[in-house]
Amino acid sequence: YFLNEYSPKSRKDNGYTEFARNMGL
């Protein structure tokens, strides 16, 4: 779900910060 919507800001950007914020972890 998340990776289908997330637009990485760089090649190394895996989106963990945004994902963690929305998941409450």
PDB file of all heavy atoms in Angstrom:
ATOM      1  N   TYR A   1       0.818  -1.213   0.000  1.00  0.00           N
ATOM      2  CA  TYR A   1       0.000   0.000   0.000  1.00  0.00           C
ATOM      3  C   TYR A   1       0.857   1.272   0.000  1.00  0.00           C
ATOM      4  O   TYR A   1       0.721   2.124  -0.870  1.00  0.00           O
ATOM      5  CB  TYR A   1      -0.963   0.013   1.191  1.00  0.00           C
ATOM      6  CG  TYR A   1      -1.981  -1.098   1.115  1.00  0.00           C
ATOM      7  CD1 TYR A   1      -1.742  -2.332   1.722  1.00  0.00           C
ATOM      8  CD2 TYR A   1      -3.172  -0.941   0.410  1.00  0.00           C
ATOM      9  CE1 TYR A   1      -2.658  -3.370   1.632  1.00  0.00           C
ATOM     10  CE2 TYR A   1      -4.103  -1.970   0.318  1.00  0.00           C
ATOM     11  CZ  TYR A   1      -3.838  -3.181   0.921  1.00  0.00           C
ATOM     12  OH  TYR A   1      -4.740  -4.209   0.812  1.00  0.00           O
ATOM     13  N   PHE A   2       1.744   1.377   1.000  1.00  0.00           N
ATOM     14  CA  PHE A   2       2.535   2.596   1.133  1.00  0.00           C
ATOM     15  C   PHE A   2       3.401   2.873  -0.103  1.00  0.00           C
ATOM     16  O   PHE A   2       3.402   3.992  -0.641  1.00  0.00           O
ATOM     17  CB  PHE A   2       3.417   2.522   2.379  1.00  0.00           C
ATOM     18  CG  PHE A   2       4.337   3.701   2.553  1.00  0.00           C
ATOM     19  CD1 PHE A   2       3.853   4.917   2.997  1.00  0.00           C
ATOM     20  CD2 PHE A   2       5.698   3.596   2.255  1.00  0.00           C
ATOM     21  CE1 PHE A   2       4.693   6.016   3.153  1.00  0.00           C
ATOM     22  CE2 PHE A   2       6.545   4.680   2.405  1.00  0.00           C
ATOM     23  CZ  PHE A   2       6.040   5.893   2.848  1.00  0.00           C
ATOM     24  N   LEU A   3       4.149   1.879  -0.552  1.00  0.00           N
ATOM     25  CA  LEU A   3       5.063   2.090  -1.679  1.00  0.00           C
ATOM     26  C   LEU A   3       4.332   2.406  -2.985  1.00  0.00           C
ATOM     27  O   LEU A   3       4.918   2.994  -3.897  1.00  0.00           O
ATOM     28  CB  LEU A   3       5.963   0.858  -1.876  1.00  0.00           C
ATOM     29  CG  LEU A   3       7.024   0.640  -0.789  1.00  0.00           C
ATOM     30  CD1 LEU A   3       7.858  -0.590  -1.098  1.00  0.00           C
ATOM     31  CD2 LEU A   3       7.927   1.867  -0.638  1.00  0.00           C
ATOM     32  N   ASN A   4       3.058   2.045  -3.071  1.00  0.00           N
ATOM     33  CA  ASN A   4       2.265   2.383  -4.265  1.00  0.00           C
ATOM     34  C   ASN A   4       1.932   3.870  -4.327  1.00  0.00           C
ATOM     35  O   ASN A   4       1.611   4.391  -5.394  1.00  0.00           O
ATOM     36  CB  ASN A   4       0.958   1.587  -4.285  1.00  0.00           C
ATOM     37  CG  ASN A   4       1.184   0.118  -4.549  1.00  0.00           C
ATOM     38  OD1 ASN A   4       2.204  -0.260  -5.131  1.00  0.00           O
ATOM     39  ND2 ASN A   4       0.253  -0.721  -4.125  1.00  0.00           N
ATOM     40  N   GLU A   5       2.011   4.543  -3.166  1.00  0.00           N
ATOM     41  CA  GLU A   5       1.632   5.955  -3.108  1.00  0.00           C
ATOM     42  C   GLU A   5       2.807   6.899  -2.849  1.00  0.00           C
ATOM     43  O   GLU A   5       2.725   8.090  -3.161  1.00  0.00           O
ATOM     44  CB  GLU A   5       0.594   6.155  -1.990  1.00  0.00           C
ATOM     45  CG  GLU A   5      -0.686   5.362  -2.193  1.00  0.00           C
ATOM     46  CD  GLU A   5      -1.638   5.506  -1.023  1.00  0.00           C
ATOM     47  OE1 GLU A   5      -1.447   6.428  -0.201  1.00  0.00           O
ATOM     48  OE2 GLU A   5      -2.570   4.689  -0.922  1.00  0.00           O
ATOM     49  N   TYR A   6       3.889   6.372  -2.284  1.00  0.00           N
ATOM     50  CA  TYR A   6       4.990   7.230  -1.857  1.00  0.00           C
ATOM     51  C   TYR A   6       5.919   7.582  -3.015  1.00  0.00           C
ATOM     52  O   TYR A   6       6.276   6.726  -3.822  1.00  0.00           O
ATOM     53  CB  TYR A   6       5.794   6.537  -0.758  1.00  0.00           C
ATOM     54  CG  TYR A   6       6.874   7.417  -0.156  1.00  0.00           C
ATOM     55  CD1 TYR A   6       6.539   8.506   0.642  1.00  0.00           C
ATOM     56  CD2 TYR A   6       8.223   7.161  -0.393  1.00  0.00           C
ATOM     57  CE1 TYR A   6       7.512   9.319   1.196  1.00  0.00           C
ATOM     58  CE2 TYR A   6       9.201   7.963   0.159  1.00  0.00           C
ATOM     59  CZ  TYR A   6       8.843   9.045   0.954  1.00  0.00           C
ATOM     60  OH  TYR A   6       9.814   9.850   1.488  1.00  0.00           O
ATOM     61  N   SER A   7       6.290   8.861  -3.079  1.00  0.00           N
ATOM     62  CA  SER A   7       7.239   9.333  -4.092  1.00  0.00           C
ATOM     63  C   SER A   7       8.584   9.599  -3.411  1.00  0.00           C
ATOM     64  O   SER A   7       8.718  10.581  -2.664  1.00  0.00           O
ATOM     65  CB  SER A   7       6.736  10.623  -4.749  1.00  0.00           C
ATOM     66  OG  SER A   7       5.515  10.399  -5.400  1.00  0.00           O
ATOM     67  N   PRO A   8       9.580   8.735  -3.629  1.00  0.00           N
ATOM     68  CA  PRO A   8      10.899   8.919  -2.986  1.00  0.00           C
ATOM     69  C   PRO A   8      11.536  10.255  -3.351  1.00  0.00           C
ATOM     70  O   PRO A   8      11.419  10.716  -4.488  1.00  0.00           O
ATOM     71  CB  PRO A   8      11.725   7.753  -3.532  1.00  0.00           C
ATOM     72  CG  PRO A   8      10.721   6.756  -4.003  1.00  0.00           C
ATOM     73  CD  PRO A   8       9.543   7.547  -4.487  1.00  0.00           C
ATOM     74  N   LYS A   9      12.208  10.856  -2.380  1.00  0.00           N
ATOM     75  CA  LYS A   9      12.878  12.145  -2.605  1.00  0.00           C
ATOM     76  C   LYS A   9      14.309  11.960  -3.125  1.00  0.00           C
ATOM     77  O   LYS A   9      14.931  12.903  -3.584  1.00  0.00           O
ATOM     78  CB  LYS A   9      12.880  12.956  -1.309  1.00  0.00           C
ATOM     79  CG  LYS A   9      11.472  13.294  -0.817  1.00  0.00           C
ATOM     80  CD  LYS A   9      11.519  13.966   0.533  1.00  0.00           C
ATOM     81  CE  LYS A   9      10.112  14.315   1.020  1.00  0.00           C
ATOM     82  NZ  LYS A   9       9.279  13.119   1.226  1.00  0.00           N
ATOM     83  N   SER A  10      14.810  10.742  -3.020  1.00  0.00           N
ATOM     84  CA  SER A  10      16.138  10.414  -3.541  1.00  0.00           C
ATOM     85  C   SER A  10      16.202   8.906  -3.742  1.00  0.00           C
ATOM     86  O   SER A  10      15.280   8.175  -3.355  1.00  0.00           O
ATOM     87  CB  SER A  10      17.234  10.862  -2.562  1.00  0.00           C
ATOM     88  OG  SER A  10      17.177  10.081  -1.386  1.00  0.00           O
ATOM     89  N   ARG A  11      17.300   8.419  -4.313  1.00  0.00           N
ATOM     90  CA  ARG A  11      17.445   6.986  -4.536  1.00  0.00           C
ATOM     91  C   ARG A  11      17.501   6.189  -3.243  1.00  0.00           C
ATOM     92  O   ARG A  11      17.068   5.035  -3.176  1.00  0.00           O
ATOM     93  CB  ARG A  11      18.732   6.716  -5.336  1.00  0.00           C
ATOM     94  CG  ARG A  11      18.631   7.094  -6.807  1.00  0.00           C
ATOM     95  CD  ARG A  11      19.885   6.687  -7.545  1.00  0.00           C
ATOM     96  NE  ARG A  11      19.805   7.028  -8.957  1.00  0.00           N
ATOM     97  CZ  ARG A  11      20.761   6.761  -9.831  1.00  0.00           C
ATOM     98  NH1 ARG A  11      21.868   6.160  -9.434  1.00  0.00           N
ATOM     99  NH2 ARG A  11      20.619   7.104 -11.100  1.00  0.00           N
ATOM    100  N   LYS A  12      18.042   6.811  -2.206  1.00  0.00           N
ATOM    101  CA  LYS A  12      18.181   6.134  -0.920  1.00  0.00           C
ATOM    102  C   LYS A  12      16.959   6.307  -0.010  1.00  0.00           C
ATOM    103  O   LYS A  12      16.908   5.744   1.086  1.00  0.00           O
ATOM    104  CB  LYS A  12      19.431   6.647  -0.194  1.00  0.00           C
ATOM    105  CG  LYS A  12      20.736   6.270  -0.894  1.00  0.00           C
ATOM    106  CD  LYS A  12      21.933   6.751  -0.089  1.00  0.00           C
ATOM    107  CE  LYS A  12      23.230   6.350  -0.762  1.00  0.00           C
ATOM    108  NZ  LYS A  12      24.418   6.808   0.011  1.00  0.00           N
ATOM    109  N   ASP A  13      16.006   7.099  -0.448  1.00  0.00           N
ATOM    110  CA  ASP A  13      14.823   7.382   0.379  1.00  0.00           C
ATOM    111  C   ASP A  13      13.859   6.203   0.331  1.00  0.00           C
ATOM    112  O   ASP A  13      13.213   5.958  -0.690  1.00  0.00           O
ATOM    113  CB  ASP A  13      14.138   8.662  -0.126  1.00  0.00           C
ATOM    114  CG  ASP A  13      12.897   9.006   0.687  1.00  0.00           C
ATOM    115  OD1 ASP A  13      12.764   8.494   1.813  1.00  0.00           O
ATOM    116  OD2 ASP A  13      12.070   9.785   0.182  1.00  0.00           O
ATOM    117  N   ASN A  14      13.733   5.474   1.452  1.00  0.00           N
ATOM    118  CA  ASN A  14      12.810   4.337   1.510  1.00  0.00           C
ATOM    119  C   ASN A  14      11.459   4.703   2.124  1.00  0.00           C
ATOM    120  O   ASN A  14      10.567   3.856   2.244  1.00  0.00           O
ATOM    121  CB  ASN A  14      13.437   3.176   2.292  1.00  0.00           C
ATOM    122  CG  ASN A  14      13.990   3.613   3.644  1.00  0.00           C
ATOM    123  OD1 ASN A  14      13.504   4.585   4.231  1.00  0.00           O
ATOM    124  ND2 ASN A  14      15.002   2.918   4.137  1.00  0.00           N
ATOM    125  N   GLY A  15      11.310   5.968   2.554  1.00  0.00           N
ATOM    126  CA  GLY A  15      10.028   6.416   3.089  1.00  0.00           C
ATOM    127  C   GLY A  15       9.748   6.006   4.516  1.00  0.00           C
ATOM    128  O   GLY A  15       8.630   6.198   5.012  1.00  0.00           O
ATOM    129  N   TYR A  16      10.749   5.454   5.212  1.00  0.00           N
ATOM    130  CA  TYR A  16      10.507   4.950   6.565  1.00  0.00           C
ATOM    131  C   TYR A  16       9.982   6.029   7.510  1.00  0.00           C
ATOM    132  O   TYR A  16       9.127   5.759   8.360  1.00  0.00           O
ATOM    133  CB  TYR A  16      11.797   4.363   7.149  1.00  0.00           C
ATOM    134  CG  TYR A  16      12.156   2.982   6.647  1.00  0.00           C
ATOM    135  CD1 TYR A  16      11.423   2.360   5.628  1.00  0.00           C
ATOM    136  CD2 TYR A  16      13.238   2.291   7.174  1.00  0.00           C
ATOM    137  CE1 TYR A  16      11.759   1.109   5.165  1.00  0.00           C
ATOM    138  CE2 TYR A  16      13.585   1.026   6.716  1.00  0.00           C
ATOM    139  CZ  TYR A  16      12.850   0.439   5.708  1.00  0.00           C
ATOM    140  OH  TYR A  16      13.189  -0.806   5.261  1.00  0.00           O
ATOM    141  N   THR A  17      10.489   7.252   7.387  1.00  0.00           N
ATOM    142  CA  THR A  17      10.056   8.332   8.294  1.00  0.00           C
ATOM    143  C   THR A  17       8.567   8.621   8.134  1.00  0.00           C
ATOM    144  O   THR A  17       7.818   8.688   9.119  1.00  0.00           O
ATOM    145  CB  THR A  17      10.861   9.624   8.025  1.00  0.00           C
ATOM    146  OG1 THR A  17      12.253   9.354   8.204  1.00  0.00           O
ATOM    147  CG2 THR A  17      10.430  10.736   8.963  1.00  0.00           C
ATOM    148  N   GLU A  18       8.124   8.786   6.893  1.00  0.00           N
ATOM    149  CA  GLU A  18       6.710   9.057   6.619  1.00  0.00           C
ATOM    150  C   GLU A  18       5.839   7.864   6.999  1.00  0.00           C
ATOM    151  O   GLU A  18       4.764   8.018   7.579  1.00  0.00           O
ATOM    152  CB  GLU A  18       6.550   9.364   5.121  1.00  0.00           C
ATOM    153  CG  GLU A  18       5.133   9.705   4.681  1.00  0.00           C
ATOM    154  CD  GLU A  18       4.652  11.050   5.181  1.00  0.00           C
ATOM    155  OE1 GLU A  18       5.489  11.851   5.659  1.00  0.00           O
ATOM    156  OE2 GLU A  18       3.440  11.293   5.108  1.00  0.00           O
ATOM    157  N   PHE A  19       6.317   6.679   6.677  1.00  0.00           N
ATOM    158  CA  PHE A  19       5.573   5.454   6.987  1.00  0.00           C
ATOM    159  C   PHE A  19       5.404   5.298   8.498  1.00  0.00           C
ATOM    160  O   PHE A  19       4.296   5.050   8.992  1.00  0.00           O
ATOM    161  CB  PHE A  19       6.317   4.248   6.410  1.00  0.00           C
ATOM    162  CG  PHE A  19       5.620   2.932   6.618  1.00  0.00           C
ATOM    163  CD1 PHE A  19       4.431   2.656   5.972  1.00  0.00           C
ATOM    164  CD2 PHE A  19       6.175   1.962   7.447  1.00  0.00           C
ATOM    165  CE1 PHE A  19       3.786   1.431   6.151  1.00  0.00           C
ATOM    166  CE2 PHE A  19       5.547   0.742   7.633  1.00  0.00           C
ATOM    167  CZ  PHE A  19       4.357   0.476   6.983  1.00  0.00           C
ATOM    168  N   ALA A  20       6.496   5.478   9.252  1.00  0.00           N
ATOM    169  CA  ALA A  20       6.449   5.340  10.709  1.00  0.00           C
ATOM    170  C   ALA A  20       5.496   6.351  11.334  1.00  0.00           C
ATOM    171  O   ALA A  20       4.741   6.023  12.257  1.00  0.00           O
ATOM    172  CB  ALA A  20       7.855   5.517  11.287  1.00  0.00           C
ATOM    173  N   ARG A  21       5.513   7.582  10.841  1.00  0.00           N
ATOM    174  CA  ARG A  21       4.640   8.631  11.382  1.00  0.00           C
ATOM    175  C   ARG A  21       3.169   8.252  11.244  1.00  0.00           C
ATOM    176  O   ARG A  21       2.380   8.417  12.177  1.00  0.00           O
ATOM    177  CB  ARG A  21       4.904   9.950  10.651  1.00  0.00           C
ATOM    178  CG  ARG A  21       4.126  11.144  11.196  1.00  0.00           C
ATOM    179  CD  ARG A  21       4.480  12.420  10.466  1.00  0.00           C
ATOM    180  NE  ARG A  21       4.095  12.368   9.073  1.00  0.00           N
ATOM    181  CZ  ARG A  21       2.833  12.579   8.646  1.00  0.00           C
ATOM    182  NH1 ARG A  21       1.870  12.847   9.512  1.00  0.00           N
ATOM    183  NH2 ARG A  21       2.555  12.541   7.358  1.00  0.00           N
ATOM    184  N   ASN A  22       2.785   7.731  10.101  1.00  0.00           N
ATOM    185  CA  ASN A  22       1.386   7.362   9.868  1.00  0.00           C
ATOM    186  C   ASN A  22       0.978   6.083  10.602  1.00  0.00           C
ATOM    187  O   ASN A  22      -0.199   5.893  10.906  1.00  0.00           O
ATOM    188  CB  ASN A  22       1.125   7.191   8.372  1.00  0.00           C
ATOM    189  CG  ASN A  22       0.953   8.508   7.648  1.00  0.00           C
ATOM    190  OD1 ASN A  22      -0.056   9.185   7.784  1.00  0.00           O
ATOM    191  ND2 ASN A  22       1.971   8.902   6.890  1.00  0.00           N
ATOM    192  N   MET A  23       1.952   5.225  10.872  1.00  0.00           N
ATOM    193  CA  MET A  23       1.658   3.951  11.528  1.00  0.00           C
ATOM    194  C   MET A  23       1.693   4.054  13.048  1.00  0.00           C
ATOM    195  O   MET A  23       1.323   3.120  13.755  1.00  0.00           O
ATOM    196  CB  MET A  23       2.656   2.892  11.062  1.00  0.00           C
ATOM    197  CG  MET A  23       2.599   2.583   9.571  1.00  0.00           C
ATOM    198  SD  MET A  23       1.107   1.695   9.074  1.00  0.00           S
ATOM    199  CE  MET A  23       1.557   0.037   9.559  1.00  0.00           C
ATOM    200  N   GLY A  24       2.181   5.196  13.563  1.00  0.00           N
ATOM    201  CA  GLY A  24       2.237   5.372  15.010  1.00  0.00           C
ATOM    202  C   GLY A  24       3.360   4.595  15.668  1.00  0.00           C
ATOM    203  O   GLY A  24       3.262   4.193  16.831  1.00  0.00           O
ATOM    204  N   LEU A  25       4.471   4.388  14.925  1.00  0.00           N
ATOM    205  CA  LEU A  25       5.614   3.648  15.446  1.00  0.00           C
ATOM    206  C   LEU A  25       6.898   4.435  15.235  1.00  0.00           C
ATOM    207  O   LEU A  25       6.929   5.379  14.446  1.00  0.00           O
ATOM    208  CB  LEU A  25       5.732   2.287  14.744  1.00  0.00           C
ATOM    209  CG  LEU A  25       4.620   1.269  15.018  1.00  0.00           C
ATOM    210  CD1 LEU A  25       4.736   0.106  14.055  1.00  0.00           C
ATOM    211  CD2 LEU A  25       4.675   0.776  16.453  1.00  0.00           C
TER     212      LEU A  25
END
